[in-house]
Amino acid sequence: MDASLPKSERLCGLKAVGELFQTGKSASAGCLRCKFLLRGDWEASRMVVSVPKRSFKRAVKRNLLKRRIRESYRRQKALLGPGVDILFIYTSAEVLPYEVIYAHMTELLSGIGHASHT
């Protein structure tokens, strides 16, 4: 599977994100919480990342965490499968290293992947 993250795999638009919050299911692992919605089609899965400004006032830290989350998703998106909209929310109050975020992402994606295949 291609390990890139093109524009078509990014979730954007108020309508799509609002629907995700209204009808999506929740899951969490360590420093990450997520809302996900199984669309039921065979198009590529779409994702969006949120790092709260309340926890990290400086944009530099928020952007660093977003990059780490996107990179760990990009490298493991094969665990998820197609047709899933997902929102990742960073919940820790401190900047965690990439390896920790990667491990929590593995846990989340494998759990959601099992839920989408049943």
PDB file of N, CA and C in Angstrom:
ATOM      1  N   MET A   1       0.845  -1.185   0.000  1.00  0.00           N
ATOM      2  CA  MET A   1       0.000   0.000   0.000  1.00  0.00           C
ATOM      3  C   MET A   1       0.881   1.236   0.000  1.00  0.00           C
ATOM      4  N   ASP A   2       0.406   2.269  -0.667  1.00  0.00           N
ATOM      5  CA  ASP A   2       1.133   3.526  -0.754  1.00  0.00           C
ATOM      6  C   ASP A   2       1.197   4.182   0.623  1.00  0.00           C
ATOM      7  N   ALA A   3       2.386   4.602   1.037  1.00  0.00           N
ATOM      8  CA  ALA A   3       2.561   5.194   2.367  1.00  0.00           C
ATOM      9  C   ALA A   3       2.583   6.712   2.303  1.00  0.00           C
ATOM     10  N   SER A   4       1.829   7.290   1.368  1.00  0.00           N
ATOM     11  CA  SER A   4       1.751   8.745   1.302  1.00  0.00           C
ATOM     12  C   SER A   4       0.439   9.201   1.945  1.00  0.00           C
ATOM     13  N   LEU A   5       0.258  10.494   2.035  1.00  0.00           N
ATOM     14  CA  LEU A   5      -0.980  11.042   2.600  1.00  0.00           C
ATOM     15  C   LEU A   5      -1.466  12.187   1.702  1.00  0.00           C
ATOM     16  N   PRO A   6      -2.094  11.841   0.562  1.00  0.00           N
ATOM     17  CA  PRO A   6      -2.541  12.879  -0.372  1.00  0.00           C
ATOM     18  C   PRO A   6      -3.753  13.644   0.148  1.00  0.00           C
ATOM     19  N   LYS A   7      -4.074  14.713  -0.537  1.00  0.00           N
ATOM     20  CA  LYS A   7      -5.196  15.578  -0.159  1.00  0.00           C
ATOM     21  C   LYS A   7      -6.507  14.798  -0.087  1.00  0.00           C
ATOM     22  N   SER A   8      -6.675  13.808  -0.958  1.00  0.00           N
ATOM     23  CA  SER A   8      -7.920  13.029  -0.972  1.00  0.00           C
ATOM     24  C   SER A   8      -8.113  12.203   0.295  1.00  0.00           C
ATOM     25  N   GLU A   9      -7.042  12.010   1.080  1.00  0.00           N
ATOM     26  CA  GLU A   9      -7.134  11.248   2.318  1.00  0.00           C
ATOM     27  C   GLU A   9      -7.179  12.145   3.549  1.00  0.00           C
ATOM     28  N   ARG A  10      -7.414  13.443   3.341  1.00  0.00           N
ATOM     29  CA  ARG A  10      -7.546  14.367   4.467  1.00  0.00           C
ATOM     30  C   ARG A  10      -9.015  14.760   4.581  1.00  0.00           C
ATOM     31  N   LEU A  11      -9.525  14.703   5.775  1.00  0.00           N
ATOM     32  CA  LEU A  11     -10.921  15.038   6.025  1.00  0.00           C
ATOM     33  C   LEU A  11     -11.022  16.543   6.222  1.00  0.00           C
ATOM     34  N   CYS A  12     -11.871  17.185   5.430  1.00  0.00           N
ATOM     35  CA  CYS A  12     -12.038  18.621   5.587  1.00  0.00           C
ATOM     36  C   CYS A  12     -13.499  18.977   5.312  1.00  0.00           C
ATOM     37  N   GLY A  13     -13.909  20.107   5.816  1.00  0.00           N
ATOM     38  CA  GLY A  13     -15.281  20.565   5.652  1.00  0.00           C
ATOM     39  C   GLY A  13     -16.085  20.420   6.925  1.00  0.00           C
ATOM     40  N   LEU A  14     -16.838  21.452   7.246  1.00  0.00           N
ATOM     41  CA  LEU A  14     -17.654  21.452   8.463  1.00  0.00           C
ATOM     42  C   LEU A  14     -18.687  20.340   8.468  1.00  0.00           C
ATOM     43  N   LYS A  15     -19.279  20.077   7.323  1.00  0.00           N
ATOM     44  CA  LYS A  15     -20.334  19.068   7.238  1.00  0.00           C
ATOM     45  C   LYS A  15     -19.795  17.676   7.585  1.00  0.00           C
ATOM     46  N   ALA A  16     -18.653  17.314   7.005  1.00  0.00           N
ATOM     47  CA  ALA A  16     -18.067  15.991   7.245  1.00  0.00           C
ATOM     48  C   ALA A  16     -17.608  15.841   8.690  1.00  0.00           C
ATOM     49  N   VAL A  17     -16.952  16.870   9.234  1.00  0.00           N
ATOM     50  CA  VAL A  17     -16.465  16.799  10.618  1.00  0.00           C
ATOM     51  C   VAL A  17     -17.644  16.818  11.594  1.00  0.00           C
ATOM     52  N   GLY A  18     -18.675  17.600  11.304  1.00  0.00           N
ATOM     53  CA  GLY A  18     -19.870  17.629  12.144  1.00  0.00           C
ATOM     54  C   GLY A  18     -20.572  16.289  12.192  1.00  0.00           C
ATOM     55  N   GLU A  19     -20.671  15.630  11.045  1.00  0.00           N
ATOM     56  CA  GLU A  19     -21.280  14.299  10.992  1.00  0.00           C
ATOM     57  C   GLU A  19     -20.458  13.292  11.794  1.00  0.00           C
ATOM     58  N   LEU A  20     -19.153  13.440  11.731  1.00  0.00           N
ATOM     59  CA  LEU A  20     -18.257  12.571  12.494  1.00  0.00           C
ATOM     60  C   LEU A  20     -18.504  12.719  13.992  1.00  0.00           C
ATOM     61  N   PHE A  21     -18.666  13.957  14.468  1.00  0.00           N
ATOM     62  CA  PHE A  21     -18.937  14.184  15.886  1.00  0.00           C
ATOM     63  C   PHE A  21     -20.336  13.717  16.289  1.00  0.00           C
ATOM     64  N   GLN A  22     -21.317  13.865  15.408  1.00  0.00           N
ATOM     65  CA  GLN A  22     -22.699  13.492  15.716  1.00  0.00           C
ATOM     66  C   GLN A  22     -22.877  11.979  15.803  1.00  0.00           C
ATOM     67  N   THR A  23     -22.377  11.253  14.801  1.00  0.00           N
ATOM     68  CA  THR A  23     -22.700   9.830  14.703  1.00  0.00           C
ATOM     69  C   THR A  23     -21.505   8.902  14.877  1.00  0.00           C
ATOM     70  N   GLY A  24     -20.296   9.461  15.058  1.00  0.00           N
ATOM     71  CA  GLY A  24     -19.102   8.640  15.157  1.00  0.00           C
ATOM     72  C   GLY A  24     -18.953   7.941  16.494  1.00  0.00           C
ATOM     73  N   LYS A  25     -18.169   6.882  16.510  1.00  0.00           N
ATOM     74  CA  LYS A  25     -17.845   6.150  17.735  1.00  0.00           C
ATOM     75  C   LYS A  25     -16.516   6.661  18.270  1.00  0.00           C
ATOM     76  N   SER A  26     -16.252   6.426  19.551  1.00  0.00           N
ATOM     77  CA  SER A  26     -15.021   6.901  20.181  1.00  0.00           C
ATOM     78  C   SER A  26     -14.111   5.739  20.554  1.00  0.00           C
ATOM     79  N   ALA A  27     -12.830   6.032  20.587  1.00  0.00           N
ATOM     80  CA  ALA A  27     -11.828   5.076  21.058  1.00  0.00           C
ATOM     81  C   ALA A  27     -10.660   5.885  21.595  1.00  0.00           C
ATOM     82  N   SER A  28      -9.869   5.280  22.465  1.00  0.00           N
ATOM     83  CA  SER A  28      -8.695   5.988  22.963  1.00  0.00           C
ATOM     84  C   SER A  28      -7.586   5.000  23.287  1.00  0.00           C
ATOM     85  N   ALA A  29      -6.364   5.507  23.210  1.00  0.00           N
ATOM     86  CA  ALA A  29      -5.180   4.716  23.557  1.00  0.00           C
ATOM     87  C   ALA A  29      -4.098   5.690  23.983  1.00  0.00           C
ATOM     88  N   GLY A  30      -3.746   5.656  25.245  1.00  0.00           N
ATOM     89  CA  GLY A  30      -2.669   6.507  25.740  1.00  0.00           C
ATOM     90  C   GLY A  30      -2.945   7.982  25.539  1.00  0.00           C
ATOM     91  N   CYS A  31      -2.086   8.636  24.755  1.00  0.00           N
ATOM     92  CA  CYS A  31      -2.187  10.075  24.552  1.00  0.00           C
ATOM     93  C   CYS A  31      -3.149  10.448  23.437  1.00  0.00           C
ATOM     94  N   LEU A  32      -3.753   9.487  22.766  1.00  0.00           N
ATOM     95  CA  LEU A  32      -4.638   9.773  21.640  1.00  0.00           C
ATOM     96  C   LEU A  32      -6.063   9.335  21.913  1.00  0.00           C
ATOM     97  N   ARG A  33      -6.991  10.195  21.542  1.00  0.00           N
ATOM     98  CA  ARG A  33      -8.406   9.855  21.539  1.00  0.00           C
ATOM     99  C   ARG A  33      -8.878  10.033  20.112  1.00  0.00           C
ATOM    100  N   CYS A  34      -9.847   9.260  19.685  1.00  0.00           N
ATOM    101  CA  CYS A  34     -10.314   9.439  18.316  1.00  0.00           C
ATOM    102  C   CYS A  34     -11.819   9.248  18.222  1.00  0.00           C
ATOM    103  N   LYS A  35     -12.379   9.883  17.217  1.00  0.00           N
ATOM    104  CA  LYS A  35     -13.762   9.671  16.802  1.00  0.00           C
ATOM    105  C   LYS A  35     -13.660   9.085  15.407  1.00  0.00           C
ATOM    106  N   PHE A  36     -14.408   8.019  15.134  1.00  0.00           N
ATOM    107  CA  PHE A  36     -14.359   7.427  13.805  1.00  0.00           C
ATOM    108  C   PHE A  36     -15.744   7.048  13.334  1.00  0.00           C
ATOM    109  N   LEU A  37     -15.902   7.059  12.033  1.00  0.00           N
ATOM    110  CA  LEU A  37     -17.170   6.757  11.395  1.00  0.00           C
ATOM    111  C   LEU A  37     -16.903   5.841  10.211  1.00  0.00           C
ATOM    112  N   LEU A  38     -17.547   4.675  10.212  1.00  0.00           N
ATOM    113  CA  LEU A  38     -17.405   3.737   9.103  1.00  0.00           C
ATOM    114  C   LEU A  38     -18.378   4.158   8.009  1.00  0.00           C
ATOM    115  N   ARG A  39     -17.847   4.558   6.852  1.00  0.00           N
ATOM    116  CA  ARG A  39     -18.687   5.064   5.759  1.00  0.00           C
ATOM    117  C   ARG A  39     -19.314   3.946   4.944  1.00  0.00           C
ATOM    118  N   GLY A  40     -18.679   2.796   4.881  1.00  0.00           N
ATOM    119  CA  GLY A  40     -19.260   1.677   4.153  1.00  0.00           C
ATOM    120  C   GLY A  40     -18.913   1.657   2.680  1.00  0.00           C
ATOM    121  N   ASP A  41     -18.191   2.652   2.160  1.00  0.00           N
ATOM    122  CA  ASP A  41     -17.776   2.608   0.760  1.00  0.00           C
ATOM    123  C   ASP A  41     -16.330   2.117   0.688  1.00  0.00           C
ATOM    124  N   TRP A  42     -15.816   1.971  -0.507  1.00  0.00           N
ATOM    125  CA  TRP A  42     -14.457   1.461  -0.667  1.00  0.00           C
ATOM    126  C   TRP A  42     -13.488   2.555  -1.076  1.00  0.00           C
ATOM    127  N   GLU A  43     -13.861   3.807  -0.806  1.00  0.00           N
ATOM    128  CA  GLU A  43     -12.932   4.908  -1.063  1.00  0.00           C
ATOM    129  C   GLU A  43     -11.884   4.941   0.039  1.00  0.00           C
ATOM    130  N   ALA A  44     -10.852   5.721  -0.175  1.00  0.00           N
ATOM    131  CA  ALA A  44      -9.760   5.821   0.799  1.00  0.00           C
ATOM    132  C   ALA A  44     -10.264   6.394   2.118  1.00  0.00           C
ATOM    133  N   SER A  45      -9.660   5.954   3.209  1.00  0.00           N
ATOM    134  CA  SER A  45      -9.984   6.500   4.521  1.00  0.00           C
ATOM    135  C   SER A  45      -9.478   7.933   4.607  1.00  0.00           C
ATOM    136  N   ARG A  46     -10.211   8.764   5.361  1.00  0.00           N
ATOM    137  CA  ARG A  46      -9.828  10.167   5.516  1.00  0.00           C
ATOM    138  C   ARG A  46      -9.573  10.462   6.982  1.00  0.00           C
ATOM    139  N   MET A  47      -8.646  11.375   7.261  1.00  0.00           N
ATOM    140  CA  MET A  47      -8.282  11.680   8.641  1.00  0.00           C
ATOM    141  C   MET A  47      -8.061  13.168   8.835  1.00  0.00           C
ATOM    142  N   VAL A  48      -8.207  13.577  10.111  1.00  0.00           N
ATOM    143  CA  VAL A  48      -7.917  14.950  10.522  1.00  0.00           C
ATOM    144  C   VAL A  48      -7.315  14.870  11.922  1.00  0.00           C
ATOM    145  N   VAL A  49      -6.444  15.833  12.262  1.00  0.00           N
ATOM    146  CA  VAL A  49      -5.742  15.833  13.544  1.00  0.00           C
ATOM    147  C   VAL A  49      -6.079  17.115  14.301  1.00  0.00           C
ATOM    148  N   SER A  50      -6.279  16.984  15.611  1.00  0.00           N
ATOM    149  CA  SER A  50      -6.539  18.128  16.465  1.00  0.00           C
ATOM    150  C   SER A  50      -5.635  18.083  17.688  1.00  0.00           C
ATOM    151  N   VAL A  51      -4.933  19.194  17.925  1.00  0.00           N
ATOM    152  CA  VAL A  51      -4.129  19.355  19.134  1.00  0.00           C
ATOM    153  C   VAL A  51      -4.655  20.620  19.808  1.00  0.00           C
ATOM    154  N   PRO A  52      -5.217  20.516  21.015  1.00  0.00           N
ATOM    155  CA  PRO A  52      -5.892  21.657  21.630  1.00  0.00           C
ATOM    156  C   PRO A  52      -4.954  22.811  21.991  1.00  0.00           C
ATOM    157  N   LYS A  53      -5.419  24.000  21.658  1.00  0.00           N
ATOM    158  CA  LYS A  53      -4.675  25.217  21.970  1.00  0.00           C
ATOM    159  C   LYS A  53      -4.647  25.461  23.473  1.00  0.00           C
ATOM    160  N   ARG A  54      -5.627  24.944  24.168  1.00  0.00           N
ATOM    161  CA  ARG A  54      -5.684  25.085  25.627  1.00  0.00           C
ATOM    162  C   ARG A  54      -4.481  24.409  26.294  1.00  0.00           C
ATOM    163  N   SER A  55      -4.059  23.273  25.754  1.00  0.00           N
ATOM    164  CA  SER A  55      -2.934  22.541  26.328  1.00  0.00           C
ATOM    165  C   SER A  55      -1.577  23.060  25.856  1.00  0.00           C
ATOM    166  N   PHE A  56      -1.524  23.502  24.598  1.00  0.00           N
ATOM    167  CA  PHE A  56      -0.266  23.959  24.009  1.00  0.00           C
ATOM    168  C   PHE A  56      -0.481  25.328  23.383  1.00  0.00           C
ATOM    169  N   LYS A  57      -0.062  26.353  24.088  1.00  0.00           N
ATOM    170  CA  LYS A  57      -0.283  27.726  23.633  1.00  0.00           C
ATOM    171  C   LYS A  57       0.542  28.059  22.391  1.00  0.00           C
ATOM    172  N   ARG A  58       1.749  27.526  22.318  1.00  0.00           N
ATOM    173  CA  ARG A  58       2.644  27.841  21.205  1.00  0.00           C
ATOM    174  C   ARG A  58       2.336  26.976  19.984  1.00  0.00           C
ATOM    175  N   ALA A  59       2.173  27.628  18.840  1.00  0.00           N
ATOM    176  CA  ALA A  59       1.863  26.927  17.598  1.00  0.00           C
ATOM    177  C   ALA A  59       2.975  25.961  17.202  1.00  0.00           C
ATOM    178  N   VAL A  60       4.213  26.268  17.574  1.00  0.00           N
ATOM    179  CA  VAL A  60       5.335  25.399  17.228  1.00  0.00           C
ATOM    180  C   VAL A  60       5.141  24.006  17.821  1.00  0.00           C
ATOM    181  N   LYS A  61       4.716  23.937  19.087  1.00  0.00           N
ATOM    182  CA  LYS A  61       4.494  22.634  19.733  1.00  0.00           C
ATOM    183  C   LYS A  61       3.286  21.923  19.142  1.00  0.00           C
ATOM    184  N   ARG A  62       2.208  22.661  18.886  1.00  0.00           N
ATOM    185  CA  ARG A  62       1.023  22.053  18.277  1.00  0.00           C
ATOM    186  C   ARG A  62       1.360  21.463  16.908  1.00  0.00           C
ATOM    187  N   ASN A  63       2.098  22.218  16.110  1.00  0.00           N
ATOM    188  CA  ASN A  63       2.471  21.733  14.776  1.00  0.00           C
ATOM    189  C   ASN A  63       3.398  20.525  14.848  1.00  0.00           C
ATOM    190  N   LEU A  64       4.310  20.519  15.801  1.00  0.00           N
ATOM    191  CA  LEU A  64       5.195  19.370  15.999  1.00  0.00           C
ATOM    192  C   LEU A  64       4.380  18.114  16.299  1.00  0.00           C
ATOM    193  N   LEU A  65       3.424  18.231  17.199  1.00  0.00           N
ATOM    194  CA  LEU A  65       2.590  17.081  17.564  1.00  0.00           C
ATOM    195  C   LEU A  65       1.725  16.629  16.390  1.00  0.00           C
ATOM    196  N   LYS A  66       1.177  17.576  15.638  1.00  0.00           N
ATOM    197  CA  LYS A  66       0.375  17.216  14.467  1.00  0.00           C
ATOM    198  C   LYS A  66       1.221  16.462  13.450  1.00  0.00           C
ATOM    199  N   ARG A  67       2.446  16.918  13.229  1.00  0.00           N
ATOM    200  CA  ARG A  67       3.341  16.221  12.299  1.00  0.00           C
ATOM    201  C   ARG A  67       3.633  14.801  12.772  1.00  0.00           C
ATOM    202  N   ARG A  68       3.876  14.636  14.056  1.00  0.00           N
ATOM    203  CA  ARG A  68       4.156  13.297  14.609  1.00  0.00           C
ATOM    204  C   ARG A  68       2.950  12.379  14.463  1.00  0.00           C
ATOM    205  N   ILE A  69       1.760  12.896  14.717  1.00  0.00           N
ATOM    206  CA  ILE A  69       0.538  12.090  14.604  1.00  0.00           C
ATOM    207  C   ILE A  69       0.284  11.714  13.147  1.00  0.00           C
ATOM    208  N   ARG A  70       0.392  12.689  12.237  1.00  0.00           N
ATOM    209  CA  ARG A  70       0.181  12.406  10.809  1.00  0.00           C
ATOM    210  C   ARG A  70       1.184  11.386  10.284  1.00  0.00           C
ATOM    211  N   GLU A  71       2.446  11.520  10.691  1.00  0.00           N
ATOM    212  CA  GLU A  71       3.484  10.595  10.239  1.00  0.00           C
ATOM    213  C   GLU A  71       3.223   9.178  10.753  1.00  0.00           C
ATOM    214  N   SER A  72       2.839   9.051  12.012  1.00  0.00           N
ATOM    215  CA  SER A  72       2.576   7.706  12.538  1.00  0.00           C
ATOM    216  C   SER A  72       1.333   7.102  11.882  1.00  0.00           C
ATOM    217  N   TYR A  73       0.345   7.927  11.555  1.00  0.00           N
ATOM    218  CA  TYR A  73      -0.828   7.435  10.814  1.00  0.00           C
ATOM    219  C   TYR A  73      -0.419   6.998   9.407  1.00  0.00           C
ATOM    220  N   ARG A  74       0.343   7.838   8.733  1.00  0.00           N
ATOM    221  CA  ARG A  74       0.739   7.574   7.354  1.00  0.00           C
ATOM    222  C   ARG A  74       1.492   6.255   7.229  1.00  0.00           C
ATOM    223  N   ARG A  75       2.342   5.948   8.187  1.00  0.00           N
ATOM    224  CA  ARG A  75       3.137   4.729   8.133  1.00  0.00           C
ATOM    225  C   ARG A  75       2.333   3.480   8.476  1.00  0.00           C
ATOM    226  N   GLN A  76       1.148   3.647   9.113  1.00  0.00           N
ATOM    227  CA  GLN A  76       0.381   2.479   9.561  1.00  0.00           C
ATOM    228  C   GLN A  76      -1.039   2.435   9.031  1.00  0.00           C
ATOM    229  N   LYS A  77      -1.369   3.270   8.064  1.00  0.00           N
ATOM    230  CA  LYS A  77      -2.758   3.344   7.619  1.00  0.00           C
ATOM    231  C   LYS A  77      -3.266   2.051   6.993  1.00  0.00           C
ATOM    232  N   ALA A  78      -2.373   1.149   6.639  1.00  0.00           N
ATOM    233  CA  ALA A  78      -2.791  -0.148   6.095  1.00  0.00           C
ATOM    234  C   ALA A  78      -3.554  -0.976   7.129  1.00  0.00           C
ATOM    235  N   LEU A  79      -3.328  -0.718   8.426  1.00  0.00           N
ATOM    236  CA  LEU A  79      -4.052  -1.433   9.483  1.00  0.00           C
ATOM    237  C   LEU A  79      -5.535  -1.080   9.498  1.00  0.00           C
ATOM    238  N   LEU A  80      -5.864   0.077   8.963  1.00  0.00           N
ATOM    239  CA  LEU A  80      -7.223   0.606   9.070  1.00  0.00           C
ATOM    240  C   LEU A  80      -8.166   0.052   8.009  1.00  0.00           C
ATOM    241  N   GLY A  81      -7.751   0.039   6.765  1.00  0.00           N
ATOM    242  CA  GLY A  81      -8.627  -0.372   5.683  1.00  0.00           C
ATOM    243  C   GLY A  81      -9.387   0.821   5.125  1.00  0.00           C
ATOM    244  N   PRO A  82     -10.119   0.629   4.039  1.00  0.00           N
ATOM    245  CA  PRO A  82     -10.799   1.748   3.372  1.00  0.00           C
ATOM    246  C   PRO A  82     -12.130   2.117   4.016  1.00  0.00           C
ATOM    247  N   GLY A  83     -12.612   3.299   3.690  1.00  0.00           N
ATOM    248  CA  GLY A  83     -13.959   3.720   4.061  1.00  0.00           C
ATOM    249  C   GLY A  83     -14.162   4.164   5.494  1.00  0.00           C
ATOM    250  N   VAL A  84     -13.139   4.733   6.134  1.00  0.00           N
ATOM    251  CA  VAL A  84     -13.265   5.186   7.516  1.00  0.00           C
ATOM    252  C   VAL A  84     -12.878   6.659   7.599  1.00  0.00           C
ATOM    253  N   ASP A  85     -13.732   7.477   8.216  1.00  0.00           N
ATOM    254  CA  ASP A  85     -13.380   8.855   8.548  1.00  0.00           C
ATOM    255  C   ASP A  85     -12.928   8.857   9.998  1.00  0.00           C
ATOM    256  N   ILE A  86     -11.813   9.522  10.285  1.00  0.00           N
ATOM    257  CA  ILE A  86     -11.273   9.460  11.637  1.00  0.00           C
ATOM    258  C   ILE A  86     -10.687  10.806  12.048  1.00  0.00           C
ATOM    259  N   LEU A  87     -10.947  11.181  13.297  1.00  0.00           N
ATOM    260  CA  LEU A  87     -10.420  12.402  13.895  1.00  0.00           C
ATOM    261  C   LEU A  87      -9.561  12.010  15.080  1.00  0.00           C
ATOM    262  N   PHE A  88      -8.295  12.413  15.079  1.00  0.00           N
ATOM    263  CA  PHE A  88      -7.387  12.144  16.187  1.00  0.00           C
ATOM    264  C   PHE A  88      -7.274  13.388  17.050  1.00  0.00           C
ATOM    265  N   ILE A  89      -7.417  13.216  18.360  1.00  0.00           N
ATOM    266  CA  ILE A  89      -7.282  14.313  19.314  1.00  0.00           C
ATOM    267  C   ILE A  89      -6.158  13.955  20.278  1.00  0.00           C
ATOM    268  N   TYR A  90      -5.192  14.840  20.400  1.00  0.00           N
ATOM    269  CA  TYR A  90      -4.058  14.617  21.293  1.00  0.00           C
ATOM    270  C   TYR A  90      -4.482  15.046  22.690  1.00  0.00           C
ATOM    271  N   THR A  91      -4.368  14.156  23.679  1.00  0.00           N
ATOM    272  CA  THR A  91      -4.913  14.439  25.009  1.00  0.00           C
ATOM    273  C   THR A  91      -3.870  14.645  26.098  1.00  0.00           C
ATOM    274  N   SER A  92      -2.621  14.305  25.854  1.00  0.00           N
ATOM    275  CA  SER A  92      -1.602  14.465  26.886  1.00  0.00           C
ATOM    276  C   SER A  92      -1.268  15.942  27.090  1.00  0.00           C
ATOM    277  N   ALA A  93      -0.837  16.284  28.288  1.00  0.00           N
ATOM    278  CA  ALA A  93      -0.486  17.674  28.598  1.00  0.00           C
ATOM    279  C   ALA A  93       0.980  17.971  28.304  1.00  0.00           C
ATOM    280  N   GLU A  94       1.725  16.967  27.868  1.00  0.00           N
ATOM    281  CA  GLU A  94       3.141  17.183  27.561  1.00  0.00           C
ATOM    282  C   GLU A  94       3.463  16.652  26.175  1.00  0.00           C
ATOM    283  N   VAL A  95       4.546  17.137  25.591  1.00  0.00           N
ATOM    284  CA  VAL A  95       4.976  16.701  24.268  1.00  0.00           C
ATOM    285  C   VAL A  95       5.680  15.350  24.410  1.00  0.00           C
ATOM    286  N   LEU A  96       5.052  14.311  23.883  1.00  0.00           N
ATOM    287  CA  LEU A  96       5.613  12.967  23.973  1.00  0.00           C
ATOM    288  C   LEU A  96       6.476  12.668  22.745  1.00  0.00           C
ATOM    289  N   PRO A  97       7.475  11.795  22.892  1.00  0.00           N
ATOM    290  CA  PRO A  97       8.312  11.449  21.739  1.00  0.00           C
ATOM    291  C   PRO A  97       7.531  10.675  20.680  1.00  0.00           C
ATOM    292  N   TYR A  98       8.083  10.696  19.475  1.00  0.00           N
ATOM    293  CA  TYR A  98       7.430  10.064  18.337  1.00  0.00           C
ATOM    294  C   TYR A  98       7.157   8.580  18.574  1.00  0.00           C
ATOM    295  N   GLU A  99       8.070   7.865  19.207  1.00  0.00           N
ATOM    296  CA  GLU A  99       7.918   6.424  19.414  1.00  0.00           C
ATOM    297  C   GLU A  99       6.687   6.112  20.259  1.00  0.00           C
ATOM    298  N   VAL A 100       6.407   6.939  21.256  1.00  0.00           N
ATOM    299  CA  VAL A 100       5.236   6.728  22.116  1.00  0.00           C
ATOM    300  C   VAL A 100       3.953   6.969  21.321  1.00  0.00           C
ATOM    301  N   ILE A 101       3.929   8.047  20.549  1.00  0.00           N
ATOM    302  CA  ILE A 101       2.752   8.359  19.718  1.00  0.00           C
ATOM    303  C   ILE A 101       2.529   7.243  18.702  1.00  0.00           C
ATOM    304  N   TYR A 102       3.609   6.741  18.120  1.00  0.00           N
ATOM    305  CA  TYR A 102       3.524   5.658  17.137  1.00  0.00           C
ATOM    306  C   TYR A 102       2.904   4.407  17.754  1.00  0.00           C
ATOM    307  N   ALA A 103       3.323   4.068  18.973  1.00  0.00           N
ATOM    308  CA  ALA A 103       2.788   2.882  19.653  1.00  0.00           C
ATOM    309  C   ALA A 103       1.299   3.037  19.957  1.00  0.00           C
ATOM    310  N   HIS A 104       0.889   4.216  20.406  1.00  0.00           N
ATOM    311  CA  HIS A 104      -0.527   4.450  20.694  1.00  0.00           C
ATOM    312  C   HIS A 104      -1.353   4.445  19.407  1.00  0.00           C
ATOM    313  N   MET A 105      -0.775   4.954  18.319  1.00  0.00           N
ATOM    314  CA  MET A 105      -1.458   4.944  17.028  1.00  0.00           C
ATOM    315  C   MET A 105      -1.660   3.506  16.547  1.00  0.00           C
ATOM    316  N   THR A 106      -0.657   2.652  16.745  1.00  0.00           N
ATOM    317  CA  THR A 106      -0.779   1.238  16.373  1.00  0.00           C
ATOM    318  C   THR A 106      -1.946   0.590  17.104  1.00  0.00           C
ATOM    319  N   GLU A 107      -2.025   0.853  18.388  1.00  0.00           N
ATOM    320  CA  GLU A 107      -3.109   0.301  19.210  1.00  0.00           C
ATOM    321  C   GLU A 107      -4.478   0.769  18.717  1.00  0.00           C
ATOM    322  N   LEU A 108      -4.597   2.071  18.442  1.00  0.00           N
ATOM    323  CA  LEU A 108      -5.871   2.625  17.961  1.00  0.00           C
ATOM    324  C   LEU A 108      -6.266   2.054  16.602  1.00  0.00           C
ATOM    325  N   LEU A 109      -5.352   2.098  15.648  1.00  0.00           N
ATOM    326  CA  LEU A 109      -5.688   1.670  14.286  1.00  0.00           C
ATOM    327  C   LEU A 109      -5.998   0.186  14.203  1.00  0.00           C
ATOM    328  N   SER A 110      -5.288  -0.633  14.955  1.00  0.00           N
ATOM    329  CA  SER A 110      -5.602  -2.063  14.933  1.00  0.00           C
ATOM    330  C   SER A 110      -6.964  -2.332  15.551  1.00  0.00           C
ATOM    331  N   GLY A 111      -7.322  -1.603  16.607  1.00  0.00           N
ATOM    332  CA  GLY A 111      -8.647  -1.756  17.206  1.00  0.00           C
ATOM    333  C   GLY A 111      -9.767  -1.325  16.284  1.00  0.00           C
ATOM    334  N   ILE A 112      -9.587  -0.203  15.613  1.00  0.00           N
ATOM    335  CA  ILE A 112     -10.595   0.290  14.672  1.00  0.00           C
ATOM    336  C   ILE A 112     -10.663  -0.612  13.441  1.00  0.00           C
ATOM    337  N   GLY A 113      -9.493  -1.105  13.008  1.00  0.00           N
ATOM    338  CA  GLY A 113      -9.461  -2.020  11.880  1.00  0.00           C
ATOM    339  C   GLY A 113     -10.238  -3.298  12.147  1.00  0.00           C
ATOM    340  N   HIS A 114     -10.117  -3.829  13.367  1.00  0.00           N
ATOM    341  CA  HIS A 114     -10.890  -5.024  13.739  1.00  0.00           C
ATOM    342  C   HIS A 114     -12.374  -4.709  13.788  1.00  0.00           C
ATOM    343  N   ALA A 115     -12.744  -3.534  14.283  1.00  0.00           N
ATOM    344  CA  ALA A 115     -14.160  -3.144  14.368  1.00  0.00           C
ATOM    345  C   ALA A 115     -14.764  -2.959  12.989  1.00  0.00           C
ATOM    346  N   SER A 116     -13.975  -2.460  12.037  1.00  0.00           N
ATOM    347  CA  SER A 116     -14.522  -2.212  10.689  1.00  0.00           C
ATOM    348  C   SER A 116     -14.665  -3.490   9.871  1.00  0.00           C
ATOM    349  N   HIS A 117     -13.926  -4.529  10.223  1.00  0.00           N
ATOM    350  CA  HIS A 117     -13.997  -5.786   9.468  1.00  0.00           C
ATOM    351  C   HIS A 117     -15.046  -6.741  10.002  1.00  0.00           C
ATOM    352  N   THR A 118     -15.683  -6.412  11.122  1.00  0.00           N
ATOM    353  CA  THR A 118     -16.703  -7.310  11.672  1.00  0.00           C
ATOM    354  C   THR A 118     -18.091  -6.863  11.339  1.00  0.00           C
TER     355      THR A 118
END
